[in-house]
């Protein structure tokens, strides 16, 4: 990280080395010197002695902290000199405690992506004595619904595991119902987890809400046979 100082003031930084941005600021300061794309190798660089304009390396000082309950705040900066010549900038950051609501809000944001993972999965269904895998993605569900509405009757259908089966309208409806059950299960899970998070009285309780359970084999009930 680098910083540009001018008249003992911090003008730019901390930033990654960006010679165009640095040169733009030098131009605005009416400093004639410019830096080249490889001048990061030469830092610290004195750009103008009269105005004490320097490009300096930055050392960030961040105390240890627990990111679950704390965050990095603003910094205070100091010019470190050797023989009265600026050689680097030290930026010391404060650590701030996060409020319970901030902790909850960040944890809530993790719930929806996990629900989407649960919603877009595969389930195992028994049809005509065979176990087949069915995707529960919205696209595949719409494909099943479209097939049901456009052409009721039997269909030769290839499932995602490569199995071919002739399925009836009743079986097609059953597949859609099983997908709907799985998707609703995912939304029920999301609602439950948000309720658990909202009910927490401390940050520790929030992080004790389990969002990722051990993986389990997903399998629906078999289609009941007709009499």
C-alpha atoms as a PDB file:
ATOM      1  CA  UNK A   1       0.000   0.000   0.000  1.00  0.00           C
ATOM      2  CA  UNK A   2       1.131   3.551  -0.769  1.00  0.00           C
ATOM      3  CA  UNK A   3       0.330   7.132   0.176  1.00  0.00           C
ATOM      4  CA  UNK A   4       1.048  10.547  -1.278  1.00  0.00           C
ATOM      5  CA  UNK A   5       1.857  13.385   1.138  1.00  0.00           C
ATOM      6  CA  UNK A   6       2.162  17.086   0.367  1.00  0.00           C
ATOM      7  CA  UNK A   7       3.071  19.820   2.849  1.00  0.00           C
ATOM      8  CA  UNK A   8       2.872  17.166   5.601  1.00  0.00           C
ATOM      9  CA  UNK A   9      -0.721  16.396   4.619  1.00  0.00           C
ATOM     10  CA  UNK A  10      -2.090  13.066   3.445  1.00  0.00           C
ATOM     11  CA  UNK A  11      -3.314  13.639  -0.103  1.00  0.00           C
ATOM     12  CA  UNK A  12      -3.868  10.116  -1.377  1.00  0.00           C
ATOM     13  CA  UNK A  13      -3.922   6.708   0.208  1.00  0.00           C
ATOM     14  CA  UNK A  14      -3.708   4.120   1.360  1.00  0.00           C
ATOM     15  CA  UNK A  15      -3.983   2.686  -2.169  1.00  0.00           C
ATOM     16  CA  UNK A  16      -2.439  -0.014  -4.301  1.00  0.00           C
ATOM     17  CA  UNK A  17       0.224   1.396  -6.606  1.00  0.00           C
ATOM     18  CA  UNK A  18      -1.603   3.286  -9.364  1.00  0.00           C
ATOM     19  CA  UNK A  19       0.747   5.582 -11.231  1.00  0.00           C
ATOM     20  CA  UNK A  20      -2.043   7.228 -13.260  1.00  0.00           C
ATOM     21  CA  UNK A  21      -3.970   8.193 -10.134  1.00  0.00           C
ATOM     22  CA  UNK A  22      -0.809   9.407  -8.411  1.00  0.00           C
ATOM     23  CA  UNK A  23       0.236  11.469 -11.430  1.00  0.00           C
ATOM     24  CA  UNK A  24      -3.241  12.959 -11.658  1.00  0.00           C
ATOM     25  CA  UNK A  25      -2.941  14.224  -8.082  1.00  0.00           C
ATOM     26  CA  UNK A  26       0.566  15.522  -8.753  1.00  0.00           C
ATOM     27  CA  UNK A  27      -0.783  17.486 -11.699  1.00  0.00           C
ATOM     28  CA  UNK A  28      -3.531  19.000  -9.546  1.00  0.00           C
ATOM     29  CA  UNK A  29      -0.894  19.970  -6.977  1.00  0.00           C
ATOM     30  CA  UNK A  30       1.192  21.649  -9.693  1.00  0.00           C
ATOM     31  CA  UNK A  31       4.071  19.260  -9.013  1.00  0.00           C
ATOM     32  CA  UNK A  32       6.186  18.676 -12.123  1.00  0.00           C
ATOM     33  CA  UNK A  33       7.529  15.263 -11.094  1.00  0.00           C
ATOM     34  CA  UNK A  34       5.762  12.121 -12.296  1.00  0.00           C
ATOM     35  CA  UNK A  35       6.000   8.439 -11.387  1.00  0.00           C
ATOM     36  CA  UNK A  36       6.401   5.575 -13.836  1.00  0.00           C
ATOM     37  CA  UNK A  37       4.605   2.197 -13.809  1.00  0.00           C
ATOM     38  CA  UNK A  38       7.599   0.545 -12.099  1.00  0.00           C
ATOM     39  CA  UNK A  39       8.349   3.253  -9.563  1.00  0.00           C
ATOM     40  CA  UNK A  40       6.793   1.137  -6.817  1.00  0.00           C
ATOM     41  CA  UNK A  41      10.252  -0.440  -6.706  1.00  0.00           C
ATOM     42  CA  UNK A  42      11.765   2.927  -5.741  1.00  0.00           C
ATOM     43  CA  UNK A  43       9.428   3.991  -2.944  1.00  0.00           C
ATOM     44  CA  UNK A  44       9.940   6.115  -0.871  1.00  0.00           C
ATOM     45  CA  UNK A  45      10.261   8.777  -3.566  1.00  0.00           C
ATOM     46  CA  UNK A  46      10.777  12.484  -3.039  1.00  0.00           C
ATOM     47  CA  UNK A  47       8.734  14.261  -5.696  1.00  0.00           C
ATOM     48  CA  UNK A  48       9.192  17.855  -4.625  1.00  0.00           C
ATOM     49  CA  UNK A  49      11.496  19.011  -1.838  1.00  0.00           C
ATOM     50  CA  UNK A  50      10.059  22.515  -1.533  1.00  0.00           C
ATOM     51  CA  UNK A  51       6.578  21.259  -0.669  1.00  0.00           C
ATOM     52  CA  UNK A  52       7.724  18.018   0.969  1.00  0.00           C
ATOM     53  CA  UNK A  53       5.826  15.931  -1.544  1.00  0.00           C
ATOM     54  CA  UNK A  54       6.624  12.236  -1.162  1.00  0.00           C
ATOM     55  CA  UNK A  55       5.262   8.925  -2.313  1.00  0.00           C
ATOM     56  CA  UNK A  56       5.643   6.653   0.714  1.00  0.00           C
ATOM     57  CA  UNK A  57       4.968   3.056   1.630  1.00  0.00           C
ATOM     58  CA  UNK A  58       2.131   2.483   4.079  1.00  0.00           C
ATOM     59  CA  UNK A  59       2.302   0.260   7.128  1.00  0.00           C
ATOM     60  CA  UNK A  60      -1.145  -0.590   8.472  1.00  0.00           C
ATOM     61  CA  UNK A  61      -1.343  -1.355  12.170  1.00  0.00           C
ATOM     62  CA  UNK A  62      -4.499  -3.286  13.044  1.00  0.00           C
ATOM     63  CA  UNK A  63      -4.817  -4.636  16.604  1.00  0.00           C
ATOM     64  CA  UNK A  64      -6.039  -8.226  17.029  1.00  0.00           C
ATOM     65  CA  UNK A  65      -9.832  -8.442  17.020  1.00  0.00           C
ATOM     66  CA  UNK A  66     -12.694 -10.910  16.764  1.00  0.00           C
ATOM     67  CA  UNK A  67     -14.410 -10.269  13.391  1.00  0.00           C
ATOM     68  CA  UNK A  68     -17.614 -11.859  14.673  1.00  0.00           C
ATOM     69  CA  UNK A  69     -18.154  -9.124  17.257  1.00  0.00           C
ATOM     70  CA  UNK A  70     -15.836  -6.324  16.196  1.00  0.00           C
ATOM     71  CA  UNK A  71     -14.870  -4.381  13.102  1.00  0.00           C
ATOM     72  CA  UNK A  72     -11.991  -2.227  11.937  1.00  0.00           C
ATOM     73  CA  UNK A  73     -12.746   1.477  12.324  1.00  0.00           C
ATOM     74  CA  UNK A  74     -11.038   4.639  11.168  1.00  0.00           C
ATOM     75  CA  UNK A  75      -7.305   5.174  11.209  1.00  0.00           C
ATOM     76  CA  UNK A  76      -4.905   7.748  12.549  1.00  0.00           C
ATOM     77  CA  UNK A  77      -1.837   8.348  10.422  1.00  0.00           C
ATOM     78  CA  UNK A  78       1.658   9.495  11.181  1.00  0.00           C
ATOM     79  CA  UNK A  79       4.640  10.337   9.015  1.00  0.00           C
ATOM     80  CA  UNK A  80       7.654   8.348  10.159  1.00  0.00           C
ATOM     81  CA  UNK A  81      10.928  10.100   9.527  1.00  0.00           C
ATOM     82  CA  UNK A  82      14.550   9.059   9.533  1.00  0.00           C
ATOM     83  CA  UNK A  83      17.090  11.873   9.692  1.00  0.00           C
ATOM     84  CA  UNK A  84      14.095  14.188   9.332  1.00  0.00           C
ATOM     85  CA  UNK A  85      13.229  12.641   5.951  1.00  0.00           C
ATOM     86  CA  UNK A  86       9.786  10.966   5.502  1.00  0.00           C
ATOM     87  CA  UNK A  87      10.243   7.232   4.908  1.00  0.00           C
ATOM     88  CA  UNK A  88       6.802   5.731   5.505  1.00  0.00           C
ATOM     89  CA  UNK A  89       3.279   6.319   6.728  1.00  0.00           C
ATOM     90  CA  UNK A  90       1.964   4.348   9.694  1.00  0.00           C
ATOM     91  CA  UNK A  91      -1.788   4.007   9.854  1.00  0.00           C
ATOM     92  CA  UNK A  92      -3.142   2.824  13.183  1.00  0.00           C
ATOM     93  CA  UNK A  93      -6.707   1.531  13.038  1.00  0.00           C
ATOM     94  CA  UNK A  94      -9.231   1.520  15.847  1.00  0.00           C
ATOM     95  CA  UNK A  95     -11.357  -1.513  16.657  1.00  0.00           C
ATOM     96  CA  UNK A  96     -15.069  -0.961  17.193  1.00  0.00           C
ATOM     97  CA  UNK A  97     -17.596  -3.260  18.794  1.00  0.00           C
ATOM     98  CA  UNK A  98     -20.435  -4.233  16.492  1.00  0.00           C
ATOM     99  CA  UNK A  99     -23.987  -3.835  17.692  1.00  0.00           C
ATOM    100  CA  UNK A 100     -26.265  -6.832  18.111  1.00  0.00           C
ATOM    101  CA  UNK A 101     -28.351  -5.644  15.165  1.00  0.00           C
ATOM    102  CA  UNK A 102     -25.257  -5.389  12.952  1.00  0.00           C
ATOM    103  CA  UNK A 103     -24.275  -8.940  13.885  1.00  0.00           C
ATOM    104  CA  UNK A 104     -27.802 -10.184  13.181  1.00  0.00           C
ATOM    105  CA  UNK A 105     -28.017  -8.406   9.832  1.00  0.00           C
ATOM    106  CA  UNK A 106     -24.726  -9.866   8.604  1.00  0.00           C
ATOM    107  CA  UNK A 107     -25.778 -13.335   9.736  1.00  0.00           C
ATOM    108  CA  UNK A 108     -29.176 -12.957   8.058  1.00  0.00           C
ATOM    109  CA  UNK A 109     -27.417 -12.271   4.754  1.00  0.00           C
ATOM    110  CA  UNK A 110     -25.947 -15.769   4.885  1.00  0.00           C
ATOM    111  CA  UNK A 111     -29.375 -17.402   5.037  1.00  0.00           C
ATOM    112  CA  UNK A 112     -30.720 -16.694   1.522  1.00  0.00           C
ATOM    113  CA  UNK A 113     -27.715 -18.152  -0.399  1.00  0.00           C
ATOM    114  CA  UNK A 114     -27.964 -21.339   1.660  1.00  0.00           C
ATOM    115  CA  UNK A 115     -31.717 -21.509   1.055  1.00  0.00           C
ATOM    116  CA  UNK A 116     -31.051 -21.227  -2.689  1.00  0.00           C
ATOM    117  CA  UNK A 117     -28.626 -24.140  -2.424  1.00  0.00           C
ATOM    118  CA  UNK A 118     -31.310 -26.173  -0.652  1.00  0.00           C
ATOM    119  CA  UNK A 119     -33.903 -25.113  -3.223  1.00  0.00           C
ATOM    120  CA  UNK A 120     -31.710 -26.064  -6.183  1.00  0.00           C
ATOM    121  CA  UNK A 121     -30.768 -29.640  -5.494  1.00  0.00           C
ATOM    122  CA  UNK A 122     -31.799 -33.144  -6.580  1.00  0.00           C
ATOM    123  CA  UNK A 123     -34.279 -35.531  -5.028  1.00  0.00           C
ATOM    124  CA  UNK A 124     -34.705 -39.239  -5.509  1.00  0.00           C
ATOM    125  CA  UNK A 125     -38.173 -40.398  -6.547  1.00  0.00           C
ATOM    126  CA  UNK A 126     -39.488 -43.907  -7.091  1.00  0.00           C
ATOM    127  CA  UNK A 127     -41.430 -44.287 -10.336  1.00  0.00           C
ATOM    128  CA  UNK A 128     -42.588 -47.573 -11.844  1.00  0.00           C
ATOM    129  CA  UNK A 129     -40.320 -49.479  -9.490  1.00  0.00           C
ATOM    130  CA  UNK A 130     -37.251 -47.442 -10.464  1.00  0.00           C
ATOM    131  CA  UNK A 131     -35.442 -44.789  -8.438  1.00  0.00           C
ATOM    132  CA  UNK A 132     -34.675 -41.682 -10.485  1.00  0.00           C
ATOM    133  CA  UNK A 133     -32.994 -38.384  -9.725  1.00  0.00           C
ATOM    134  CA  UNK A 134     -34.950 -35.206 -10.343  1.00  0.00           C
ATOM    135  CA  UNK A 135     -33.606 -31.658 -10.266  1.00  0.00           C
ATOM    136  CA  UNK A 136     -35.584 -29.205  -8.137  1.00  0.00           C
ATOM    137  CA  UNK A 137     -34.299 -26.114  -9.935  1.00  0.00           C
ATOM    138  CA  UNK A 138     -36.882 -23.592 -11.080  1.00  0.00           C
ATOM    139  CA  UNK A 139     -35.926 -24.168 -14.705  1.00  0.00           C
ATOM    140  CA  UNK A 140     -36.533 -27.930 -14.489  1.00  0.00           C
ATOM    141  CA  UNK A 141     -39.786 -27.459 -12.589  1.00  0.00           C
ATOM    142  CA  UNK A 142     -41.033 -25.084 -15.315  1.00  0.00           C
ATOM    143  CA  UNK A 143     -40.002 -27.672 -17.899  1.00  0.00           C
ATOM    144  CA  UNK A 144     -42.141 -30.316 -16.185  1.00  0.00           C
ATOM    145  CA  UNK A 145     -45.092 -27.911 -15.873  1.00  0.00           C
ATOM    146  CA  UNK A 146     -44.780 -26.880 -19.513  1.00  0.00           C
ATOM    147  CA  UNK A 147     -44.731 -30.515 -20.621  1.00  0.00           C
ATOM    148  CA  UNK A 148     -47.799 -31.267 -18.496  1.00  0.00           C
ATOM    149  CA  UNK A 149     -49.791 -28.334 -19.882  1.00  0.00           C
ATOM    150  CA  UNK A 150     -48.724 -28.704 -23.517  1.00  0.00           C
ATOM    151  CA  UNK A 151     -49.079 -32.446 -23.934  1.00  0.00           C
ATOM    152  CA  UNK A 152     -51.015 -34.440 -21.320  1.00  0.00           C
ATOM    153  CA  UNK A 153     -50.474 -38.171 -21.581  1.00  0.00           C
ATOM    154  CA  UNK A 154     -47.567 -40.551 -21.445  1.00  0.00           C
ATOM    155  CA  UNK A 155     -44.065 -39.308 -22.128  1.00  0.00           C
ATOM    156  CA  UNK A 156     -40.765 -41.030 -22.742  1.00  0.00           C
ATOM    157  CA  UNK A 157     -38.617 -39.050 -20.385  1.00  0.00           C
ATOM    158  CA  UNK A 158     -34.878 -39.111 -19.765  1.00  0.00           C
ATOM    159  CA  UNK A 159     -33.961 -38.187 -16.180  1.00  0.00           C
ATOM    160  CA  UNK A 160     -30.722 -36.496 -15.148  1.00  0.00           C
ATOM    161  CA  UNK A 161     -29.154 -39.801 -14.074  1.00  0.00           C
ATOM    162  CA  UNK A 162     -29.642 -41.145 -17.609  1.00  0.00           C
ATOM    163  CA  UNK A 163     -32.674 -43.327 -16.805  1.00  0.00           C
ATOM    164  CA  UNK A 164     -35.428 -43.497 -19.440  1.00  0.00           C
ATOM    165  CA  UNK A 165     -38.997 -44.065 -18.249  1.00  0.00           C
ATOM    166  CA  UNK A 166     -42.448 -43.806 -19.727  1.00  0.00           C
ATOM    167  CA  UNK A 167     -44.354 -41.562 -17.329  1.00  0.00           C
ATOM    168  CA  UNK A 168     -48.045 -40.833 -17.196  1.00  0.00           C
ATOM    169  CA  UNK A 169     -49.806 -37.553 -16.522  1.00  0.00           C
ATOM    170  CA  UNK A 170     -50.365 -38.661 -12.914  1.00  0.00           C
ATOM    171  CA  UNK A 171     -46.677 -39.408 -12.482  1.00  0.00           C
ATOM    172  CA  UNK A 172     -45.722 -36.100 -14.056  1.00  0.00           C
ATOM    173  CA  UNK A 173     -48.024 -34.309 -11.616  1.00  0.00           C
ATOM    174  CA  UNK A 174     -46.449 -36.278  -8.797  1.00  0.00           C
ATOM    175  CA  UNK A 175     -42.933 -35.248  -9.845  1.00  0.00           C
ATOM    176  CA  UNK A 176     -44.000 -31.584  -9.832  1.00  0.00           C
ATOM    177  CA  UNK A 177     -45.599 -31.972  -6.396  1.00  0.00           C
ATOM    178  CA  UNK A 178     -42.403 -33.496  -4.995  1.00  0.00           C
ATOM    179  CA  UNK A 179     -40.351 -30.629  -6.386  1.00  0.00           C
ATOM    180  CA  UNK A 180     -42.789 -28.156  -4.838  1.00  0.00           C
ATOM    181  CA  UNK A 181     -42.506 -29.909  -1.472  1.00  0.00           C
ATOM    182  CA  UNK A 182     -38.718 -29.712  -1.590  1.00  0.00           C
ATOM    183  CA  UNK A 183     -38.740 -26.033  -2.550  1.00  0.00           C
ATOM    184  CA  UNK A 184     -41.248 -25.213   0.170  1.00  0.00           C
ATOM    185  CA  UNK A 185     -39.088 -27.103   2.654  1.00  0.00           C
ATOM    186  CA  UNK A 186     -36.203 -24.793   1.734  1.00  0.00           C
ATOM    187  CA  UNK A 187     -38.323 -21.666   2.270  1.00  0.00           C
ATOM    188  CA  UNK A 188     -39.627 -23.045   5.571  1.00  0.00           C
ATOM    189  CA  UNK A 189     -36.017 -23.530   6.624  1.00  0.00           C
ATOM    190  CA  UNK A 190     -35.183 -19.930   5.683  1.00  0.00           C
ATOM    191  CA  UNK A 191     -38.140 -18.579   7.670  1.00  0.00           C
ATOM    192  CA  UNK A 192     -37.223 -20.675  10.711  1.00  0.00           C
ATOM    193  CA  UNK A 193     -33.590 -19.537  10.684  1.00  0.00           C
ATOM    194  CA  UNK A 194     -34.545 -15.875  10.372  1.00  0.00           C
ATOM    195  CA  UNK A 195     -36.885 -16.294  13.336  1.00  0.00           C
ATOM    196  CA  UNK A 196     -34.101 -17.937  15.353  1.00  0.00           C
ATOM    197  CA  UNK A 197     -31.700 -15.102  14.549  1.00  0.00           C
ATOM    198  CA  UNK A 198     -34.240 -12.412  15.412  1.00  0.00           C
ATOM    199  CA  UNK A 199     -34.909 -14.068  18.791  1.00  0.00           C
ATOM    200  CA  UNK A 200     -31.235 -13.963  19.851  1.00  0.00           C
ATOM    201  CA  UNK A 201     -30.369 -11.713  22.788  1.00  0.00           C
ATOM    202  CA  UNK A 202     -26.572 -11.769  22.352  1.00  0.00           C
ATOM    203  CA  UNK A 203     -24.056 -11.959  19.536  1.00  0.00           C
ATOM    204  CA  UNK A 204     -22.887 -15.327  20.815  1.00  0.00           C
ATOM    205  CA  UNK A 205     -26.412 -16.694  20.489  1.00  0.00           C
ATOM    206  CA  UNK A 206     -26.543 -15.466  16.885  1.00  0.00           C
ATOM    207  CA  UNK A 207     -23.441 -17.412  15.926  1.00  0.00           C
ATOM    208  CA  UNK A 208     -24.837 -20.482  17.667  1.00  0.00           C
ATOM    209  CA  UNK A 209     -27.706 -20.597  15.164  1.00  0.00           C
ATOM    210  CA  UNK A 210     -26.711 -23.487  12.899  1.00  0.00           C
ATOM    211  CA  UNK A 211     -27.010 -22.601   9.222  1.00  0.00           C
ATOM    212  CA  UNK A 212     -25.226 -25.546   7.628  1.00  0.00           C
ATOM    213  CA  UNK A 213     -26.217 -28.961   8.846  1.00  0.00           C
ATOM    214  CA  UNK A 214     -24.257 -32.127   8.011  1.00  0.00           C
ATOM    215  CA  UNK A 215     -25.084 -33.291   4.497  1.00  0.00           C
ATOM    216  CA  UNK A 216     -27.923 -35.749   4.266  1.00  0.00           C
ATOM    217  CA  UNK A 217     -29.163 -37.893   1.410  1.00  0.00           C
ATOM    218  CA  UNK A 218     -32.243 -36.270  -0.058  1.00  0.00           C
ATOM    219  CA  UNK A 219     -34.972 -38.801  -0.840  1.00  0.00           C
ATOM    220  CA  UNK A 220     -38.677 -38.244  -1.308  1.00  0.00           C
ATOM    221  CA  UNK A 221     -41.436 -40.693  -0.541  1.00  0.00           C
ATOM    222  CA  UNK A 222     -42.170 -43.210  -3.253  1.00  0.00           C
ATOM    223  CA  UNK A 223     -45.177 -42.628  -5.475  1.00  0.00           C
ATOM    224  CA  UNK A 224     -48.116 -44.577  -4.053  1.00  0.00           C
ATOM    225  CA  UNK A 225     -49.167 -47.381  -6.352  1.00  0.00           C
ATOM    226  CA  UNK A 226     -52.622 -47.293  -7.877  1.00  0.00           C
ATOM    227  CA  UNK A 227     -55.194 -49.936  -6.953  1.00  0.00           C
END
